[in-house]
C-alpha atoms as a PDB file:
ATOM      1  CA  MET A   1       0.010  -0.033  -0.035  1.00  0.00           C
ATOM      2  CA  LYS A   2       3.020   2.324   0.455  1.00  0.00           C
ATOM      3  CA  PHE A   3       3.510   2.268  -3.365  1.00  0.00           C
ATOM      4  CA  LEU A   4      -0.168   3.349  -3.800  1.00  0.00           C
ATOM      5  CA  ASP A   5      -0.049   6.032  -1.072  1.00  0.00           C
ATOM      6  CA  GLU A   6       2.968   7.521  -3.030  1.00  0.00           C
ATOM      7  CA  ASP A   7       0.867   8.052  -6.082  1.00  0.00           C
ATOM      8  CA  VAL A   8      -2.547   8.833  -4.575  1.00  0.00           C
ATOM      9  CA  GLY A   9      -1.815  11.193  -1.819  1.00  0.00           C
ATOM     10  CA  PHE A  10      -5.084  12.495  -0.354  1.00  0.00           C
ATOM     11  CA  GLY A  11      -7.201  11.073  -3.309  1.00  0.00           C
ATOM     12  CA  ASP A  12      -7.596  10.782  -7.030  1.00  0.00           C
ATOM     13  CA  LEU A  13      -8.791  14.326  -7.782  1.00  0.00           C
ATOM     14  CA  THR A  14      -9.749  13.729 -11.401  1.00  0.00           C
ATOM     15  CA  SER A  15     -11.691  10.454 -10.808  1.00  0.00           C
ATOM     16  CA  ASP A  16     -13.401  11.892  -7.784  1.00  0.00           C
ATOM     17  CA  LEU A  17     -14.707  14.769  -9.907  1.00  0.00           C
ATOM     18  CA  LEU A  18     -15.684  12.706 -12.868  1.00  0.00           C
ATOM     19  CA  ILE A  19     -16.639   9.220 -11.723  1.00  0.00           C
ATOM     20  CA  PRO A  20     -19.777   8.630  -9.674  1.00  0.00           C
ATOM     21  CA  ARG A  21     -19.189   6.945  -6.388  1.00  0.00           C
ATOM     22  CA  GLY A  22     -19.978   3.187  -6.459  1.00  0.00           C
ATOM     23  CA  LEU A  23     -19.983   2.899 -10.247  1.00  0.00           C
ATOM     24  CA  LYS A  24     -18.858  -0.638 -11.172  1.00  0.00           C
ATOM     25  CA  ALA A  25     -16.586  -1.366 -14.109  1.00  0.00           C
ATOM     26  CA  ARG A  26     -14.244  -3.867 -15.750  1.00  0.00           C
ATOM     27  CA  GLY A  27     -10.664  -3.252 -16.793  1.00  0.00           C
ATOM     28  CA  PHE A  28      -8.153  -5.324 -18.849  1.00  0.00           C
ATOM     29  CA  ILE A  29      -4.368  -5.062 -18.669  1.00  0.00           C
ATOM     30  CA  VAL A  30      -3.062  -5.346 -22.186  1.00  0.00           C
ATOM     31  CA  VAL A  31       0.535  -6.034 -23.243  1.00  0.00           C
ATOM     32  CA  LYS A  32       1.809  -3.803 -25.966  1.00  0.00           C
ATOM     33  CA  GLY A  33       5.162  -5.545 -26.617  1.00  0.00           C
ATOM     34  CA  GLU A  34       6.673  -9.099 -26.552  1.00  0.00           C
ATOM     35  CA  GLY A  35       8.201 -10.428 -23.483  1.00  0.00           C
ATOM     36  CA  VAL A  36       8.124 -12.383 -20.283  1.00  0.00           C
ATOM     37  CA  ILE A  37       5.494 -11.455 -17.724  1.00  0.00           C
ATOM     38  CA  ALA A  38       6.397 -10.799 -14.154  1.00  0.00           C
ATOM     39  CA  GLY A  39       4.671  -9.039 -11.173  1.00  0.00           C
ATOM     40  CA  VAL A  40       1.328 -10.852 -11.626  1.00  0.00           C
ATOM     41  CA  GLU A  41       1.179 -11.799  -7.924  1.00  0.00           C
ATOM     42  CA  GLU A  42       1.999  -8.240  -6.800  1.00  0.00           C
ATOM     43  CA  ALA A  43      -0.595  -6.711  -9.070  1.00  0.00           C
ATOM     44  CA  GLU A  44      -3.293  -9.068  -7.879  1.00  0.00           C
ATOM     45  CA  ALA A  45      -2.374  -8.340  -4.235  1.00  0.00           C
ATOM     46  CA  LEU A  46      -2.572  -4.508  -4.749  1.00  0.00           C
ATOM     47  CA  PHE A  47      -5.965  -4.666  -6.480  1.00  0.00           C
ATOM     48  CA  ARG A  48      -7.392  -6.919  -3.803  1.00  0.00           C
ATOM     49  CA  GLN A  49      -6.295  -4.662  -1.046  1.00  0.00           C
ATOM     50  CA  LEU A  50      -8.620  -2.100  -2.661  1.00  0.00           C
ATOM     51  CA  GLY A  51     -11.475  -4.638  -2.896  1.00  0.00           C
ATOM     52  CA  ILE A  52     -10.978  -5.066  -6.562  1.00  0.00           C
ATOM     53  CA  GLU A  53     -11.492  -8.516  -8.066  1.00  0.00           C
ATOM     54  CA  ALA A  54      -8.396  -9.397 -10.117  1.00  0.00           C
ATOM     55  CA  GLU A  55      -8.246 -12.400 -12.428  1.00  0.00           C
ATOM     56  CA  ALA A  56      -4.819 -13.310 -13.904  1.00  0.00           C
ATOM     57  CA  LYS A  57      -4.808 -14.608 -17.438  1.00  0.00           C
ATOM     58  CA  VAL A  58      -1.119 -15.711 -17.231  1.00  0.00           C
ATOM     59  CA  CYS A  59       1.285 -16.774 -14.599  1.00  0.00           C
ATOM     60  CA  ASP A  60       4.679 -15.234 -13.841  1.00  0.00           C
ATOM     61  CA  GLY A  61       7.312 -16.415 -16.232  1.00  0.00           C
ATOM     62  CA  GLU A  62       4.853 -16.911 -19.245  1.00  0.00           C
ATOM     63  CA  ALA A  63       5.626 -15.288 -22.509  1.00  0.00           C
ATOM     64  CA  ALA A  64       3.237 -12.674 -23.889  1.00  0.00           C
ATOM     65  CA  LYS A  65       2.789 -10.805 -27.195  1.00  0.00           C
ATOM     66  CA  PRO A  66       1.200  -7.571 -28.199  1.00  0.00           C
ATOM     67  CA  GLY A  67      -2.501  -7.513 -27.635  1.00  0.00           C
ATOM     68  CA  ASP A  68      -2.483 -10.237 -24.999  1.00  0.00           C
ATOM     69  CA  VAL A  69      -4.758  -9.594 -21.940  1.00  0.00           C
ATOM     70  CA  ILE A  70      -2.807 -10.656 -18.945  1.00  0.00           C
ATOM     71  CA  MET A  71      -5.314  -9.633 -16.315  1.00  0.00           C
ATOM     72  CA  GLU A  72      -9.022  -8.721 -15.891  1.00  0.00           C
ATOM     73  CA  VAL A  73     -10.193  -6.560 -12.981  1.00  0.00           C
ATOM     74  CA  ARG A  74     -13.728  -5.912 -11.801  1.00  0.00           C
ATOM     75  CA  GLY A  75     -14.891  -3.612  -9.074  1.00  0.00           C
ATOM     76  CA  GLU A  76     -15.493   0.088  -8.203  1.00  0.00           C
ATOM     77  CA  ALA A  77     -14.353   2.253 -11.173  1.00  0.00           C
ATOM     78  CA  ARG A  78     -12.714   4.918  -8.920  1.00  0.00           C
ATOM     79  CA  LYS A  79     -10.554   2.372  -7.248  1.00  0.00           C
ATOM     80  CA  ILE A  80      -9.512   0.663 -10.422  1.00  0.00           C
ATOM     81  CA  LEU A  81      -8.295   4.030 -11.855  1.00  0.00           C
ATOM     82  CA  MET A  82      -6.669   4.846  -8.483  1.00  0.00           C
ATOM     83  CA  ALA A  83      -4.556   1.661  -8.729  1.00  0.00           C
ATOM     84  CA  GLU A  84      -3.932   1.809 -12.485  1.00  0.00           C
ATOM     85  CA  ARG A  85      -0.601   3.604 -12.706  1.00  0.00           C
ATOM     86  CA  THR A  86       0.981   1.891  -9.713  1.00  0.00           C
ATOM     87  CA  VAL A  87       0.036  -1.628 -10.855  1.00  0.00           C
ATOM     88  CA  LEU A  88       1.220  -0.924 -14.483  1.00  0.00           C
ATOM     89  CA  ASN A  89       4.583   0.448 -13.153  1.00  0.00           C
ATOM     90  CA  ILE A  90       5.147  -2.671 -11.190  1.00  0.00           C
ATOM     91  CA  LEU A  91       4.176  -5.073 -13.952  1.00  0.00           C
ATOM     92  CA  MET A  92       6.070  -3.100 -16.649  1.00  0.00           C
ATOM     93  CA  ARG A  93       9.281  -2.880 -14.638  1.00  0.00           C
ATOM     94  CA  MET A  94       9.277  -6.475 -13.457  1.00  0.00           C
ATOM     95  CA  SER A  95       8.288  -7.863 -16.790  1.00  0.00           C
ATOM     96  CA  GLY A  96      11.041  -5.743 -18.513  1.00  0.00           C
ATOM     97  CA  ILE A  97      13.655  -7.198 -16.211  1.00  0.00           C
ATOM     98  CA  ALA A  98      12.397 -10.717 -16.616  1.00  0.00           C
ATOM     99  CA  THR A  99      12.270 -10.346 -20.321  1.00  0.00           C
ATOM    100  CA  GLU A 100      15.881  -9.051 -20.677  1.00  0.00           C
ATOM    101  CA  THR A 101      17.139 -11.777 -18.299  1.00  0.00           C
ATOM    102  CA  ARG A 102      15.369 -14.471 -20.341  1.00  0.00           C
ATOM    103  CA  ARG A 103      16.911 -13.107 -23.475  1.00  0.00           C
ATOM    104  CA  LEU A 104      20.381 -13.181 -22.158  1.00  0.00           C
ATOM    105  CA  VAL A 105      20.054 -16.619 -20.478  1.00  0.00           C
ATOM    106  CA  ASP A 106      18.762 -18.022 -23.787  1.00  0.00           C
ATOM    107  CA  LYS A 107      21.613 -16.328 -25.636  1.00  0.00           C
ATOM    108  CA  ILE A 108      24.116 -18.079 -23.524  1.00  0.00           C
ATOM    109  CA  LYS A 109      22.291 -21.413 -23.829  1.00  0.00           C
ATOM    110  CA  GLU A 110      22.002 -21.186 -27.579  1.00  0.00           C
ATOM    111  CA  ALA A 111      25.789 -20.523 -27.757  1.00  0.00           C
ATOM    112  CA  GLY A 112      26.243 -24.011 -26.030  1.00  0.00           C
ATOM    113  CA  LEU A 113      27.702 -22.401 -22.860  1.00  0.00           C
ATOM    114  CA  ASN A 114      26.904 -23.407 -19.278  1.00  0.00           C
ATOM    115  CA  VAL A 115      27.148 -20.074 -17.476  1.00  0.00           C
ATOM    116  CA  ARG A 116      24.714 -18.511 -14.990  1.00  0.00           C
ATOM    117  CA  VAL A 117      23.385 -15.013 -15.480  1.00  0.00           C
ATOM    118  CA  ALA A 118      23.217 -13.149 -12.233  1.00  0.00           C
ATOM    119  CA  ALA A 119      21.930  -9.816 -11.042  1.00  0.00           C
ATOM    120  CA  THR A 120      23.765  -7.311  -8.813  1.00  0.00           C
ATOM    121  CA  ARG A 121      22.663  -5.053  -5.903  1.00  0.00           C
ATOM    122  CA  LYS A 122      22.326  -2.200  -8.411  1.00  0.00           C
ATOM    123  CA  THR A 123      18.587  -2.132  -7.857  1.00  0.00           C
ATOM    124  CA  ALA A 124      16.187   0.795  -7.424  1.00  0.00           C
ATOM    125  CA  PRO A 125      15.891   1.703  -3.742  1.00  0.00           C
ATOM    126  CA  GLY A 126      12.859   0.173  -2.171  1.00  0.00           C
ATOM    127  CA  LEU A 127      12.381  -2.208  -5.052  1.00  0.00           C
ATOM    128  CA  ARG A 128      15.223  -4.691  -4.321  1.00  0.00           C
ATOM    129  CA  LEU A 129      12.986  -7.779  -3.697  1.00  0.00           C
ATOM    130  CA  LEU A 130      10.819  -7.013  -6.763  1.00  0.00           C
ATOM    131  CA  ASP A 131      13.908  -6.441  -9.054  1.00  0.00           C
ATOM    132  CA  LYS A 132      15.571  -9.670  -7.849  1.00  0.00           C
ATOM    133  CA  LYS A 133      12.335 -11.745  -8.059  1.00  0.00           C
ATOM    134  CA  SER A 134      12.033 -10.493 -11.808  1.00  0.00           C
ATOM    135  CA  VAL A 135      15.517 -11.722 -12.509  1.00  0.00           C
ATOM    136  CA  MET A 136      14.640 -15.141 -10.963  1.00  0.00           C
ATOM    137  CA  ILE A 137      11.377 -15.268 -12.982  1.00  0.00           C
ATOM    138  CA  GLY A 138      13.550 -14.610 -16.159  1.00  0.00           C
ATOM    139  CA  GLY A 139      15.693 -17.612 -15.407  1.00  0.00           C
ATOM    140  CA  GLY A 140      18.602 -15.732 -13.824  1.00  0.00           C
ATOM    141  CA  ASP A 141      20.362 -16.012 -10.515  1.00  0.00           C
ATOM    142  CA  THR A 142      19.500 -13.436  -7.841  1.00  0.00           C
ATOM    143  CA  HIS A 143      22.996 -13.342  -6.468  1.00  0.00           C
ATOM    144  CA  ARG A 144      23.303 -11.737  -3.023  1.00  0.00           C
ATOM    145  CA  LEU A 145      19.878 -10.288  -1.928  1.00  0.00           C
ATOM    146  CA  ARG A 146      21.230  -8.288   0.994  1.00  0.00           C
ATOM    147  CA  LEU A 147      24.508  -7.649   2.760  1.00  0.00           C
ATOM    148  CA  ASP A 148      23.687 -10.424   5.266  1.00  0.00           C
ATOM    149  CA  ASP A 149      23.319 -13.015   2.452  1.00  0.00           C
ATOM    150  CA  ALA A 150      26.969 -13.838   1.878  1.00  0.00           C
ATOM    151  CA  VAL A 151      30.489 -12.588   2.424  1.00  0.00           C
ATOM    152  CA  ILE A 152      31.839 -10.465  -0.466  1.00  0.00           C
ATOM    153  CA  ILE A 153      35.264  -8.996   0.304  1.00  0.00           C
ATOM    154  CA  LYS A 154      35.686  -5.908  -2.001  1.00  0.00           C
ATOM    155  CA  ASP A 155      38.577  -3.589  -2.750  1.00  0.00           C
ATOM    156  CA  ASN A 156      37.585  -1.098   0.027  1.00  0.00           C
ATOM    157  CA  HIS A 157      37.558  -3.900   2.584  1.00  0.00           C
ATOM    158  CA  ILE A 158      40.980  -5.039   1.436  1.00  0.00           C
ATOM    159  CA  ALA A 159      42.300  -1.530   1.502  1.00  0.00           C
ATOM    160  CA  LEU A 160      41.231  -1.231   5.141  1.00  0.00           C
ATOM    161  CA  VAL A 161      42.360  -4.685   6.269  1.00  0.00           C
ATOM    162  CA  GLY A 162      45.663  -4.803   4.427  1.00  0.00           C
ATOM    163  CA  SER A 163      45.534  -7.855   2.073  1.00  0.00           C
ATOM    164  CA  ILE A 164      43.246 -10.397   0.601  1.00  0.00           C
ATOM    165  CA  SER A 165      44.868 -13.088   2.560  1.00  0.00           C
ATOM    166  CA  GLU A 166      44.342 -11.419   5.918  1.00  0.00           C
ATOM    167  CA  ALA A 167      40.745 -10.488   5.066  1.00  0.00           C
ATOM    168  CA  VAL A 168      39.846 -14.116   4.068  1.00  0.00           C
ATOM    169  CA  LYS A 169      41.588 -15.333   7.274  1.00  0.00           C
ATOM    170  CA  ARG A 170      39.662 -13.037   9.428  1.00  0.00           C
ATOM    171  CA  VAL A 171      36.338 -13.881   7.837  1.00  0.00           C
ATOM    172  CA  ARG A 172      36.963 -17.589   7.867  1.00  0.00           C
ATOM    173  CA  GLU A 173      37.606 -17.558  11.599  1.00  0.00           C
ATOM    174  CA  ARG A 174      34.262 -15.974  12.437  1.00  0.00           C
ATOM    175  CA  VAL A 175      31.731 -16.645   9.648  1.00  0.00           C
ATOM    176  CA  SER A 176      29.211 -19.461   9.804  1.00  0.00           C
ATOM    177  CA  PHE A 177      29.928 -22.537   7.768  1.00  0.00           C
ATOM    178  CA  THR A 178      26.709 -21.902   5.992  1.00  0.00           C
ATOM    179  CA  LYS A 179      28.077 -18.750   4.253  1.00  0.00           C
ATOM    180  CA  LYS A 180      30.247 -18.635   1.208  1.00  0.00           C
ATOM    181  CA  ILE A 181      33.219 -16.282   0.938  1.00  0.00           C
ATOM    182  CA  GLU A 182      33.628 -14.306  -2.231  1.00  0.00           C
ATOM    183  CA  VAL A 183      36.618 -12.075  -3.076  1.00  0.00           C
ATOM    184  CA  GLU A 184      36.624  -9.299  -5.656  1.00  0.00           C
ATOM    185  CA  VAL A 185      39.863  -9.129  -7.637  1.00  0.00           C
ATOM    186  CA  GLN A 186      41.214  -7.062 -10.480  1.00  0.00           C
ATOM    187  CA  THR A 187      44.467  -8.698 -11.366  1.00  0.00           C
ATOM    188  CA  LEU A 188      45.957 -12.247 -11.890  1.00  0.00           C
ATOM    189  CA  LYS A 189      47.975 -11.742  -8.803  1.00  0.00           C
ATOM    190  CA  GLU A 190      45.025 -10.918  -6.673  1.00  0.00           C
ATOM    191  CA  ALA A 191      43.109 -13.875  -8.052  1.00  0.00           C
ATOM    192  CA  LEU A 192      45.773 -16.321  -7.181  1.00  0.00           C
ATOM    193  CA  GLU A 193      46.122 -14.790  -3.699  1.00  0.00           C
ATOM    194  CA  ALA A 194      42.347 -15.169  -3.210  1.00  0.00           C
ATOM    195  CA  ALA A 195      42.407 -18.778  -4.361  1.00  0.00           C
ATOM    196  CA  ARG A 196      45.364 -19.737  -2.216  1.00  0.00           C
ATOM    197  CA  SER A 197      43.718 -18.016   0.758  1.00  0.00           C
ATOM    198  CA  GLY A 198      40.667 -20.325   0.593  1.00  0.00           C
ATOM    199  CA  ALA A 199      38.070 -18.179  -1.106  1.00  0.00           C
ATOM    200  CA  ASP A 200      34.900 -20.116  -2.383  1.00  0.00           C
ATOM    201  CA  ILE A 201      34.180 -17.530  -5.096  1.00  0.00           C
ATOM    202  CA  ILE A 202      36.494 -15.121  -6.994  1.00  0.00           C
ATOM    203  CA  MET A 203      34.805 -12.170  -8.682  1.00  0.00           C
ATOM    204  CA  LEU A 204      36.888 -11.000 -11.711  1.00  0.00           C
ATOM    205  CA  ASP A 205      35.887  -7.312 -11.610  1.00  0.00           C
ATOM    206  CA  ASN A 206      36.305  -5.059 -14.588  1.00  0.00           C
ATOM    207  CA  MET A 207      38.679  -7.442 -16.300  1.00  0.00           C
ATOM    208  CA  LYS A 208      38.786  -7.883 -20.042  1.00  0.00           C
ATOM    209  CA  PRO A 209      37.850 -11.290 -21.539  1.00  0.00           C
ATOM    210  CA  ASP A 210      41.505 -11.906 -22.505  1.00  0.00           C
ATOM    211  CA  GLU A 211      42.668 -11.072 -18.996  1.00  0.00           C
ATOM    212  CA  ILE A 212      40.003 -13.435 -17.664  1.00  0.00           C
ATOM    213  CA  ARG A 213      41.182 -16.321 -19.842  1.00  0.00           C
ATOM    214  CA  VAL A 214      44.706 -15.907 -18.447  1.00  0.00           C
ATOM    215  CA  VAL A 215      43.362 -16.154 -14.891  1.00  0.00           C
ATOM    216  CA  VAL A 216      41.230 -19.247 -15.756  1.00  0.00           C
ATOM    217  CA  GLU A 217      44.223 -21.004 -17.340  1.00  0.00           C
ATOM    218  CA  ARG A 218      46.516 -20.192 -14.387  1.00  0.00           C
ATOM    219  CA  LEU A 219      43.919 -21.427 -11.832  1.00  0.00           C
ATOM    220  CA  ARG A 220      43.685 -24.690 -13.904  1.00  0.00           C
ATOM    221  CA  GLU A 221      47.383 -25.192 -13.746  1.00  0.00           C
ATOM    222  CA  GLU A 222      47.433 -24.797 -10.017  1.00  0.00           C
ATOM    223  CA  GLY A 223      44.457 -26.997  -9.525  1.00  0.00           C
ATOM    224  CA  PHE A 224      41.967 -24.464  -8.203  1.00  0.00           C
ATOM    225  CA  TYR A 225      39.633 -24.232 -11.179  1.00  0.00           C
ATOM    226  CA  GLU A 226      37.417 -27.085 -10.237  1.00  0.00           C
ATOM    227  CA  LYS A 227      37.240 -26.089  -6.559  1.00  0.00           C
ATOM    228  CA  ILE A 228      36.327 -22.389  -6.910  1.00  0.00           C
ATOM    229  CA  ILE A 229      33.403 -20.549  -8.577  1.00  0.00           C
ATOM    230  CA  LEU A 230      34.588 -17.811 -10.873  1.00  0.00           C
ATOM    231  CA  GLU A 231      32.366 -14.806 -11.505  1.00  0.00           C
ATOM    232  CA  ALA A 232      32.909 -12.099 -14.139  1.00  0.00           C
ATOM    233  CA  SER A 233      31.436  -8.724 -13.376  1.00  0.00           C
ATOM    234  CA  GLY A 234      31.788  -5.131 -14.462  1.00  0.00           C
ATOM    235  CA  GLY A 235      31.455  -3.709 -17.952  1.00  0.00           C
ATOM    236  CA  ILE A 236      29.338  -6.573 -19.193  1.00  0.00           C
ATOM    237  CA  THR A 237      26.504  -5.779 -21.586  1.00  0.00           C
ATOM    238  CA  PRO A 238      24.174  -7.723 -23.886  1.00  0.00           C
ATOM    239  CA  HIS A 239      26.650  -6.852 -26.684  1.00  0.00           C
ATOM    240  CA  ASN A 240      29.649  -8.453 -25.167  1.00  0.00           C
ATOM    241  CA  ILE A 241      28.115 -11.073 -22.824  1.00  0.00           C
ATOM    242  CA  LEU A 242      29.118 -13.921 -25.060  1.00  0.00           C
ATOM    243  CA  GLU A 243      32.715 -12.911 -25.063  1.00  0.00           C
ATOM    244  CA  TYR A 244      32.698 -13.109 -21.260  1.00  0.00           C
ATOM    245  CA  ALA A 245      30.625 -16.324 -21.176  1.00  0.00           C
ATOM    246  CA  SER A 246      33.213 -18.064 -23.323  1.00  0.00           C
ATOM    247  CA  THR A 247      36.162 -17.323 -21.084  1.00  0.00           C
ATOM    248  CA  GLY A 248      35.648 -20.252 -18.660  1.00  0.00           C
ATOM    249  CA  VAL A 249      33.843 -18.342 -15.845  1.00  0.00           C
ATOM    250  CA  HIS A 250      30.928 -20.037 -14.137  1.00  0.00           C
ATOM    251  CA  VAL A 251      28.790 -16.878 -13.479  1.00  0.00           C
ATOM    252  CA  ILE A 252      28.347 -13.592 -15.118  1.00  0.00           C
ATOM    253  CA  SER A 253      26.713 -10.768 -13.085  1.00  0.00           C
ATOM    254  CA  LEU A 254      25.685  -7.558 -14.677  1.00  0.00           C
ATOM    255  CA  GLY A 255      23.904  -4.479 -13.197  1.00  0.00           C
ATOM    256  CA  TYR A 256      22.252  -3.877 -16.646  1.00  0.00           C
ATOM    257  CA  LEU A 257      19.478  -6.321 -15.703  1.00  0.00           C
ATOM    258  CA  THR A 258      18.067  -4.127 -13.031  1.00  0.00           C
ATOM    259  CA  HIS A 259      19.260  -0.614 -13.871  1.00  0.00           C
ATOM    260  CA  SER A 260      18.990  -0.565 -17.701  1.00  0.00           C
ATOM    261  CA  ALA A 261      16.457  -3.155 -18.808  1.00  0.00           C
ATOM    262  CA  LYS A 262      13.569  -1.530 -20.717  1.00  0.00           C
ATOM    263  CA  ALA A 263      10.137  -1.802 -19.211  1.00  0.00           C
ATOM    264  CA  LEU A 264       7.666  -3.909 -21.081  1.00  0.00           C
ATOM    265  CA  ASP A 265       4.872  -1.530 -22.249  1.00  0.00           C
ATOM    266  CA  MET A 266       1.354  -2.270 -21.070  1.00  0.00           C
ATOM    267  CA  SER A 267      -1.919  -0.383 -20.583  1.00  0.00           C
ATOM    268  CA  LEU A 268      -5.140  -0.804 -18.606  1.00  0.00           C
ATOM    269  CA  GLU A 269      -8.273  -0.443 -20.792  1.00  0.00           C
ATOM    270  CA  MET A 270     -11.662   0.161 -19.246  1.00  0.00           C
ATOM    271  CA  GLY A 271     -14.638  -1.734 -20.465  1.00  0.00           C
ATOM    272  CA  LYS A 272     -18.179  -0.610 -20.175  1.00  0.00           C
ATOM    273  CA  PRO A 273     -19.572  -0.159 -16.713  1.00  0.00           C
ATOM    274  CA  SER A 274     -21.169  -3.352 -15.396  1.00  0.00           C
END
C-alpha cells in the first residue's frame, strides 16, 4: 500500500470529480510488446487490497505478445483507476527485467555455454526484492539479496584490512559454515592470492575477456579451477556477454539487468460499466 500512497496522496482528484461513487466497471491489462510477464502476484495483491477482483490470465514467467490480455479486474471504477498507474509500473518494470534476463540466459544457452546469468545489488531503492524476483522469473540468478546473504570482500575492505589473505583469514575464523566467501579481484596476482587463501568464489571485476582467460588458465594449472566458482562482473552488456561467457567463468553478473532493462509496455483499458 505504500506504493499506492505515494501516487494517490489524499485522493484521485480527477476520478473523484468525474466518476460517480459506487460505479462498477471492468478493466483489462493489455501487453503492448513481446516479453516475459512478471509481477502478476504483486498486481493481484494490490488490487485486492482495494477490494477489486483481479483475475490473472497468465502466470509469472509466461511469454506474452502484443495484444494479449494478462489480467481482468472488476470492481469500483474509482478504485481501479486509482490503482492503475501503480500496478502498471510494477508489472512493466518487473516484466522488462524478466524479459531481458530471459533473453540473455537463452543467448548463452544457444551458444552452448553453461554459465549462470546473475543480477547485482544495483537495484532501485525500495524495489530490491521485486527487481531480484524479476531476474529469478526470467531464469537468472538473484546473487546476493542483501549484505547479510553472503560474504563479499571488496576492494575497500581489502584496503582497510591490508591484504586479501588477511581478509579471508579473519572472515573464515568468524563466519558461519553456511556462508560462502567471495573475493573481488582485478588482477591475476590478486586472483591467485584469493584462491590460495581459501576463497569459495572469486569475482573477476572489470577485467577484459583476454585477462580473464589468463586467470582461468593459471587457476587450472594450479588445481584451483574445479574447486572455486569464478564470476565475471563489470562492464558486461548484452553486446559483449558471449565474449565473457566463453572465457571459462561459471557466473556472469551484470547491473544492466536491473538498472537498464527496458520496461515492457502495457496499458489498462476500461470496459463498459457493469
